[in-house]
Amino acid sequence: EALIAGSKGLEFTAQTRMSGTDLPGGVRLRKG
């Protein structure tokens, strides 16, 4: 829950063709 509360979302766009989440501590999770 602590990671979810401090996370930041990356919205999918036609240009980036991916989406994801930045978790606290510099963890970048992406799917696309």
PDB file of all heavy atoms in Angstrom:
ATOM      1  N   GLU A   1       0.820  -1.207   0.000  1.00  0.00           N
ATOM      2  CA  GLU A   1       0.000   0.000   0.000  1.00  0.00           C
ATOM      3  C   GLU A   1       0.857   1.261   0.000  1.00  0.00           C
ATOM      4  O   GLU A   1       0.510   2.265  -0.620  1.00  0.00           O
ATOM      5  CB  GLU A   1      -0.929   0.000   1.227  1.00  0.00           C
ATOM      6  CG  GLU A   1      -2.012  -1.073   1.194  1.00  0.00           C
ATOM      7  CD  GLU A   1      -3.001  -0.851   0.047  1.00  0.00           C
ATOM      8  OE1 GLU A   1      -3.190   0.309  -0.361  1.00  0.00           O
ATOM      9  OE2 GLU A   1      -3.560  -1.851  -0.442  1.00  0.00           O
ATOM     10  N   ALA A   2       2.000   1.201   0.719  1.00  0.00           N
ATOM     11  CA  ALA A   2       2.873   2.382   0.774  1.00  0.00           C
ATOM     12  C   ALA A   2       3.418   2.713  -0.604  1.00  0.00           C
ATOM     13  O   ALA A   2       3.546   3.893  -0.973  1.00  0.00           O
ATOM     14  CB  ALA A   2       4.012   2.128   1.751  1.00  0.00           C
ATOM     15  N   LEU A   3       3.748   1.678  -1.395  1.00  0.00           N
ATOM     16  CA  LEU A   3       4.252   1.920  -2.753  1.00  0.00           C
ATOM     17  C   LEU A   3       3.154   2.484  -3.645  1.00  0.00           C
ATOM     18  O   LEU A   3       3.399   3.369  -4.474  1.00  0.00           O
ATOM     19  CB  LEU A   3       4.803   0.618  -3.339  1.00  0.00           C
ATOM     20  CG  LEU A   3       6.059   0.043  -2.665  1.00  0.00           C
ATOM     21  CD1 LEU A   3       6.462  -1.259  -3.337  1.00  0.00           C
ATOM     22  CD2 LEU A   3       7.204   1.061  -2.742  1.00  0.00           C
ATOM     23  N   ILE A   4       1.934   1.958  -3.482  1.00  0.00           N
ATOM     24  CA  ILE A   4       0.822   2.454  -4.306  1.00  0.00           C
ATOM     25  C   ILE A   4       0.547   3.919  -4.003  1.00  0.00           C
ATOM     26  O   ILE A   4       0.334   4.735  -4.905  1.00  0.00           O
ATOM     27  CB  ILE A   4      -0.444   1.597  -4.047  1.00  0.00           C
ATOM     28  CG1 ILE A   4      -0.202   0.152  -4.502  1.00  0.00           C
ATOM     29  CG2 ILE A   4      -1.646   2.191  -4.770  1.00  0.00           C
ATOM     30  CD1 ILE A   4      -1.369  -0.772  -4.206  1.00  0.00           C
ATOM     31  N   ALA A   5       0.571   4.271  -2.710  1.00  0.00           N
ATOM     32  CA  ALA A   5       0.269   5.651  -2.317  1.00  0.00           C
ATOM     33  C   ALA A   5       1.283   6.633  -2.884  1.00  0.00           C
ATOM     34  O   ALA A   5       0.945   7.769  -3.232  1.00  0.00           O
ATOM     35  CB  ALA A   5       0.209   5.751  -0.802  1.00  0.00           C
ATOM     36  N   GLY A   6       2.526   6.220  -3.001  1.00  0.00           N
ATOM     37  CA  GLY A   6       3.551   7.137  -3.491  1.00  0.00           C
ATOM     38  C   GLY A   6       3.873   6.979  -4.955  1.00  0.00           C
ATOM     39  O   GLY A   6       4.856   7.554  -5.437  1.00  0.00           O
ATOM     40  N   SER A   7       3.070   6.198  -5.690  1.00  0.00           N
ATOM     41  CA  SER A   7       3.359   5.934  -7.102  1.00  0.00           C
ATOM     42  C   SER A   7       2.809   7.032  -8.002  1.00  0.00           C
ATOM     43  O   SER A   7       1.926   7.800  -7.621  1.00  0.00           O
ATOM     44  CB  SER A   7       2.763   4.586  -7.508  1.00  0.00           C
ATOM     45  OG  SER A   7       1.339   4.622  -7.453  1.00  0.00           O
ATOM     46  N   LYS A   8       3.340   7.059  -9.209  1.00  0.00           N
ATOM     47  CA  LYS A   8       2.905   8.025 -10.219  1.00  0.00           C
ATOM     48  C   LYS A   8       2.676   7.279 -11.532  1.00  0.00           C
ATOM     49  O   LYS A   8       3.529   6.528 -11.989  1.00  0.00           O
ATOM     50  CB  LYS A   8       3.959   9.117 -10.397  1.00  0.00           C
ATOM     51  CG  LYS A   8       3.587  10.166 -11.441  1.00  0.00           C
ATOM     52  CD  LYS A   8       4.686  11.201 -11.577  1.00  0.00           C
ATOM     53  CE  LYS A   8       4.326  12.229 -12.640  1.00  0.00           C
ATOM     54  NZ  LYS A   8       5.409  13.225 -12.836  1.00  0.00           N
ATOM     55  N   GLY A   9       1.494   7.487 -12.142  1.00  0.00           N
ATOM     56  CA  GLY A   9       1.149   6.760 -13.351  1.00  0.00           C
ATOM     57  C   GLY A   9       1.599   7.451 -14.622  1.00  0.00           C
ATOM     58  O   GLY A   9       1.663   8.684 -14.690  1.00  0.00           O
ATOM     59  N   LEU A  10       1.933   6.662 -15.619  1.00  0.00           N
ATOM     60  CA  LEU A  10       2.275   7.145 -16.961  1.00  0.00           C
ATOM     61  C   LEU A  10       1.165   6.673 -17.899  1.00  0.00           C
ATOM     62  O   LEU A  10       0.992   5.477 -18.122  1.00  0.00           O
ATOM     63  CB  LEU A  10       3.631   6.599 -17.414  1.00  0.00           C
ATOM     64  CG  LEU A  10       4.063   6.974 -18.832  1.00  0.00           C
ATOM     65  CD1 LEU A  10       4.354   8.465 -18.926  1.00  0.00           C
ATOM     66  CD2 LEU A  10       5.302   6.168 -19.245  1.00  0.00           C
ATOM     67  N   GLU A  11       0.429   7.610 -18.466  1.00  0.00           N
ATOM     68  CA  GLU A  11      -0.723   7.274 -19.312  1.00  0.00           C
ATOM     69  C   GLU A  11      -0.278   6.850 -20.712  1.00  0.00           C
ATOM     70  O   GLU A  11       0.690   7.375 -21.259  1.00  0.00           O
ATOM     71  CB  GLU A  11      -1.669   8.478 -19.410  1.00  0.00           C
ATOM     72  CG  GLU A  11      -2.978   8.183 -20.111  1.00  0.00           C
ATOM     73  CD  GLU A  11      -3.904   9.387 -20.111  1.00  0.00           C
ATOM     74  OE1 GLU A  11      -3.545  10.404 -19.480  1.00  0.00           O
ATOM     75  OE2 GLU A  11      -4.976   9.310 -20.747  1.00  0.00           O
ATOM     76  N   PHE A  12      -1.007   5.907 -21.277  1.00  0.00           N
ATOM     77  CA  PHE A  12      -0.714   5.440 -22.633  1.00  0.00           C
ATOM     78  C   PHE A  12      -1.097   6.515 -23.648  1.00  0.00           C
ATOM     79  O   PHE A  12      -2.137   7.167 -23.526  1.00  0.00           O
ATOM     80  CB  PHE A  12      -1.497   4.160 -22.940  1.00  0.00           C
ATOM     81  CG  PHE A  12      -1.356   3.687 -24.355  1.00  0.00           C
ATOM     82  CD1 PHE A  12      -0.306   2.862 -24.731  1.00  0.00           C
ATOM     83  CD2 PHE A  12      -2.266   4.087 -25.328  1.00  0.00           C
ATOM     84  CE1 PHE A  12      -0.170   2.427 -26.044  1.00  0.00           C
ATOM     85  CE2 PHE A  12      -2.138   3.662 -26.639  1.00  0.00           C
ATOM     86  CZ  PHE A  12      -1.088   2.837 -26.994  1.00  0.00           C
ATOM     87  N   THR A  13      -0.234   6.714 -24.649  1.00  0.00           N
ATOM     88  CA  THR A  13      -0.545   7.596 -25.768  1.00  0.00           C
ATOM     89  C   THR A  13      -0.154   6.892 -27.062  1.00  0.00           C
ATOM     90  O   THR A  13       0.649   5.946 -27.069  1.00  0.00           O
ATOM     91  CB  THR A  13       0.215   8.931 -25.683  1.00  0.00           C
ATOM     92  OG1 THR A  13       1.619   8.684 -25.859  1.00  0.00           O
ATOM     93  CG2 THR A  13      -0.036   9.637 -24.359  1.00  0.00           C
ATOM     94  N   ALA A  14      -0.736   7.360 -28.173  1.00  0.00           N
ATOM     95  CA  ALA A  14      -0.410   6.768 -29.469  1.00  0.00           C
ATOM     96  C   ALA A  14       1.049   6.999 -29.827  1.00  0.00           C
ATOM     97  O   ALA A  14       1.641   6.231 -30.588  1.00  0.00           O
ATOM     98  CB  ALA A  14      -1.318   7.358 -30.547  1.00  0.00           C
ATOM     99  N   GLN A  15       1.648   8.064 -29.276  1.00  0.00           N
ATOM    100  CA  GLN A  15       3.043   8.361 -29.592  1.00  0.00           C
ATOM    101  C   GLN A  15       4.004   7.465 -28.806  1.00  0.00           C
ATOM    102  O   GLN A  15       4.944   6.897 -29.361  1.00  0.00           O
ATOM    103  CB  GLN A  15       3.359   9.840 -29.305  1.00  0.00           C
ATOM    104  CG  GLN A  15       2.704  10.814 -30.277  1.00  0.00           C
ATOM    105  CD  GLN A  15       1.218  10.957 -30.056  1.00  0.00           C
ATOM    106  OE1 GLN A  15       0.729  10.823 -28.926  1.00  0.00           O
ATOM    107  NE2 GLN A  15       0.479  11.191 -31.127  1.00  0.00           N
ATOM    108  N   THR A  16       3.752   7.310 -27.497  1.00  0.00           N
ATOM    109  CA  THR A  16       4.672   6.509 -26.673  1.00  0.00           C
ATOM    110  C   THR A  16       4.403   5.013 -26.793  1.00  0.00           C
ATOM    111  O   THR A  16       5.316   4.205 -26.655  1.00  0.00           O
ATOM    112  CB  THR A  16       4.541   6.911 -25.197  1.00  0.00           C
ATOM    113  OG1 THR A  16       3.209   6.638 -24.732  1.00  0.00           O
ATOM    114  CG2 THR A  16       4.827   8.396 -25.011  1.00  0.00           C
ATOM    115  N   ARG A  17       3.139   4.650 -27.053  1.00  0.00           N
ATOM    116  CA  ARG A  17       2.724   3.250 -27.186  1.00  0.00           C
ATOM    117  C   ARG A  17       3.115   2.408 -25.971  1.00  0.00           C
ATOM    118  O   ARG A  17       3.468   1.240 -26.088  1.00  0.00           O
ATOM    119  CB  ARG A  17       3.284   2.635 -28.468  1.00  0.00           C
ATOM    120  CG  ARG A  17       2.631   3.165 -29.729  1.00  0.00           C
ATOM    121  CD  ARG A  17       3.269   2.546 -30.960  1.00  0.00           C
ATOM    122  NE  ARG A  17       4.665   2.953 -31.083  1.00  0.00           N
ATOM    123  CZ  ARG A  17       5.567   2.305 -31.812  1.00  0.00           C
ATOM    124  NH1 ARG A  17       5.239   1.213 -32.447  1.00  0.00           N
ATOM    125  NH2 ARG A  17       6.812   2.744 -31.880  1.00  0.00           N
ATOM    126  N   MET A  18       3.075   3.029 -24.807  1.00  0.00           N
ATOM    127  CA  MET A  18       3.332   2.285 -23.570  1.00  0.00           C
ATOM    128  C   MET A  18       2.704   3.046 -22.413  1.00  0.00           C
ATOM    129  O   MET A  18       2.347   4.225 -22.528  1.00  0.00           O
ATOM    130  CB  MET A  18       4.838   2.121 -23.327  1.00  0.00           C
ATOM    131  CG  MET A  18       5.571   3.420 -23.072  1.00  0.00           C
ATOM    132  SD  MET A  18       7.344   3.149 -22.735  1.00  0.00           S
ATOM    133  CE  MET A  18       7.899   4.846 -22.518  1.00  0.00           C
ATOM    134  N   SER A  19       2.540   2.352 -21.294  1.00  0.00           N
ATOM    135  CA  SER A  19       2.044   2.967 -20.068  1.00  0.00           C
ATOM    136  C   SER A  19       2.807   2.347 -18.917  1.00  0.00           C
ATOM    137  O   SER A  19       3.567   1.380 -19.097  1.00  0.00           O
ATOM    138  CB  SER A  19       0.531   2.732 -19.914  1.00  0.00           C
ATOM    139  OG  SER A  19       0.253   1.345 -19.838  1.00  0.00           O
ATOM    140  N   GLY A  20       2.626   2.876 -17.718  1.00  0.00           N
ATOM    141  CA  GLY A  20       3.380   2.311 -16.606  1.00  0.00           C
ATOM    142  C   GLY A  20       3.219   3.080 -15.323  1.00  0.00           C
ATOM    143  O   GLY A  20       2.336   3.945 -15.192  1.00  0.00           O
ATOM    144  N   THR A  21       4.100   2.777 -14.388  1.00  0.00           N
ATOM    145  CA  THR A  21       4.042   3.366 -13.057  1.00  0.00           C
ATOM    146  C   THR A  21       5.462   3.606 -12.550  1.00  0.00           C
ATOM    147  O   THR A  21       6.349   2.755 -12.724  1.00  0.00           O
ATOM    148  CB  THR A  21       3.317   2.423 -12.077  1.00  0.00           C
ATOM    149  OG1 THR A  21       2.014   2.121 -12.576  1.00  0.00           O
ATOM    150  CG2 THR A  21       3.193   3.053 -10.692  1.00  0.00           C
ATOM    151  N   ASP A  22       5.657   4.766 -11.934  1.00  0.00           N
ATOM    152  CA  ASP A  22       6.909   5.068 -11.236  1.00  0.00           C
ATOM    153  C   ASP A  22       6.662   4.871  -9.739  1.00  0.00           C
ATOM    154  O   ASP A  22       5.886   5.621  -9.130  1.00  0.00           O
ATOM    155  CB  ASP A  22       7.355   6.506 -11.512  1.00  0.00           C
ATOM    156  CG  ASP A  22       7.828   6.689 -12.943  1.00  0.00           C
ATOM    157  OD1 ASP A  22       8.210   5.691 -13.576  1.00  0.00           O
ATOM    158  OD2 ASP A  22       7.782   7.839 -13.451  1.00  0.00           O
ATOM    159  N   LEU A  23       7.331   3.868  -9.144  1.00  0.00           N
ATOM    160  CA  LEU A  23       7.182   3.583  -7.721  1.00  0.00           C
ATOM    161  C   LEU A  23       8.218   4.359  -6.915  1.00  0.00           C
ATOM    162  O   LEU A  23       9.276   4.748  -7.447  1.00  0.00           O
ATOM    163  CB  LEU A  23       7.345   2.087  -7.454  1.00  0.00           C
ATOM    164  CG  LEU A  23       6.320   1.152  -8.118  1.00  0.00           C
ATOM    165  CD1 LEU A  23       6.681  -0.304  -7.812  1.00  0.00           C
ATOM    166  CD2 LEU A  23       4.908   1.463  -7.633  1.00  0.00           C
ATOM    167  N   PRO A  24       7.950   4.609  -5.632  1.00  0.00           N
ATOM    168  CA  PRO A  24       8.959   5.263  -4.788  1.00  0.00           C
ATOM    169  C   PRO A  24      10.258   4.457  -4.775  1.00  0.00           C
ATOM    170  O   PRO A  24      10.248   3.224  -4.821  1.00  0.00           O
ATOM    171  CB  PRO A  24       8.291   5.267  -3.402  1.00  0.00           C
ATOM    172  CG  PRO A  24       6.819   5.184  -3.674  1.00  0.00           C
ATOM    173  CD  PRO A  24       6.693   4.351  -4.895  1.00  0.00           C
ATOM    174  N   GLY A  25      11.358   5.137  -4.737  1.00  0.00           N
ATOM    175  CA  GLY A  25      12.657   4.476  -4.727  1.00  0.00           C
ATOM    176  C   GLY A  25      13.266   4.342  -6.108  1.00  0.00           C
ATOM    177  O   GLY A  25      14.270   3.647  -6.286  1.00  0.00           O
ATOM    178  N   GLY A  26      12.655   4.997  -7.117  1.00  0.00           N
ATOM    179  CA  GLY A  26      13.235   4.977  -8.453  1.00  0.00           C
ATOM    180  C   GLY A  26      12.938   3.745  -9.276  1.00  0.00           C
ATOM    181  O   GLY A  26      13.612   3.491 -10.287  1.00  0.00           O
ATOM    182  N   VAL A  27      11.911   2.973  -8.905  1.00  0.00           N
ATOM    183  CA  VAL A  27      11.537   1.789  -9.691  1.00  0.00           C
ATOM    184  C   VAL A  27      10.571   2.211 -10.798  1.00  0.00           C
ATOM    185  O   VAL A  27       9.508   2.769 -10.527  1.00  0.00           O
ATOM    186  CB  VAL A  27      10.891   0.714  -8.794  1.00  0.00           C
ATOM    187  CG1 VAL A  27      10.450  -0.488  -9.639  1.00  0.00           C
ATOM    188  CG2 VAL A  27      11.850   0.286  -7.700  1.00  0.00           C
ATOM    189  N   ARG A  28      10.986   1.921 -12.047  1.00  0.00           N
ATOM    190  CA  ARG A  28      10.158   2.286 -13.210  1.00  0.00           C
ATOM    191  C   ARG A  28       9.615   1.007 -13.846  1.00  0.00           C
ATOM    192  O   ARG A  28      10.381   0.172 -14.344  1.00  0.00           O
ATOM    193  CB  ARG A  28      10.985   3.058 -14.229  1.00  0.00           C
ATOM    194  CG  ARG A  28      11.541   4.379 -13.688  1.00  0.00           C
ATOM    195  CD  ARG A  28      12.387   5.082 -14.729  1.00  0.00           C
ATOM    196  NE  ARG A  28      13.549   4.276 -15.110  1.00  0.00           N
ATOM    197  CZ  ARG A  28      14.688   4.219 -14.409  1.00  0.00           C
ATOM    198  NH1 ARG A  28      14.814   4.908 -13.269  1.00  0.00           N
ATOM    199  NH2 ARG A  28      15.702   3.455 -14.812  1.00  0.00           N
ATOM    200  N   LEU A  29       8.295   0.864 -13.804  1.00  0.00           N
ATOM    201  CA  LEU A  29       7.627  -0.292 -14.402  1.00  0.00           C
ATOM    202  C   LEU A  29       6.878   0.157 -15.657  1.00  0.00           C
ATOM    203  O   LEU A  29       6.103   1.129 -15.607  1.00  0.00           O
ATOM    204  CB  LEU A  29       6.642  -0.923 -13.413  1.00  0.00           C
ATOM    205  CG  LEU A  29       7.248  -1.414 -12.078  1.00  0.00           C
ATOM    206  CD1 LEU A  29       6.146  -1.926 -11.159  1.00  0.00           C
ATOM    207  CD2 LEU A  29       8.286  -2.502 -12.341  1.00  0.00           C
ATOM    208  N   ARG A  30       7.133  -0.541 -16.772  1.00  0.00           N
ATOM    209  CA  ARG A  30       6.520  -0.155 -18.040  1.00  0.00           C
ATOM    210  C   ARG A  30       5.978  -1.393 -18.754  1.00  0.00           C
ATOM    211  O   ARG A  30       6.520  -2.488 -18.636  1.00  0.00           O
ATOM    212  CB  ARG A  30       7.541   0.528 -18.961  1.00  0.00           C
ATOM    213  CG  ARG A  30       8.172   1.786 -18.394  1.00  0.00           C
ATOM    214  CD  ARG A  30       7.174   2.942 -18.372  1.00  0.00           C
ATOM    215  NE  ARG A  30       7.828   4.180 -17.949  1.00  0.00           N
ATOM    216  CZ  ARG A  30       7.846   4.636 -16.690  1.00  0.00           C
ATOM    217  NH1 ARG A  30       7.270   3.910 -15.722  1.00  0.00           N
ATOM    218  NH2 ARG A  30       8.445   5.773 -16.399  1.00  0.00           N
ATOM    219  N   LYS A  31       4.918  -1.184 -19.512  1.00  0.00           N
ATOM    220  CA  LYS A  31       4.402  -2.230 -20.399  1.00  0.00           C
ATOM    221  C   LYS A  31       3.965  -1.550 -21.697  1.00  0.00           C
ATOM    222  O   LYS A  31       3.477  -0.409 -21.693  1.00  0.00           O
ATOM    223  CB  LYS A  31       3.228  -2.983 -19.772  1.00  0.00           C
ATOM    224  CG  LYS A  31       1.949  -2.176 -19.616  1.00  0.00           C
ATOM    225  CD  LYS A  31       0.834  -3.025 -19.036  1.00  0.00           C
ATOM    226  CE  LYS A  31      -0.515  -2.327 -19.083  1.00  0.00           C
ATOM    227  NZ  LYS A  31      -0.571  -1.080 -18.321  1.00  0.00           N
ATOM    228  N   GLY A  32       4.156  -2.251 -22.825  1.00  0.00           N
ATOM    229  CA  GLY A  32       3.798  -1.645 -24.100  1.00  0.00           C
ATOM    230  C   GLY A  32       4.045  -2.588 -25.256  1.00  0.00           C
ATOM    231  O   GLY A  32       4.347  -3.779 -25.080  1.00  0.00           O
TER     232      GLY A  32
END
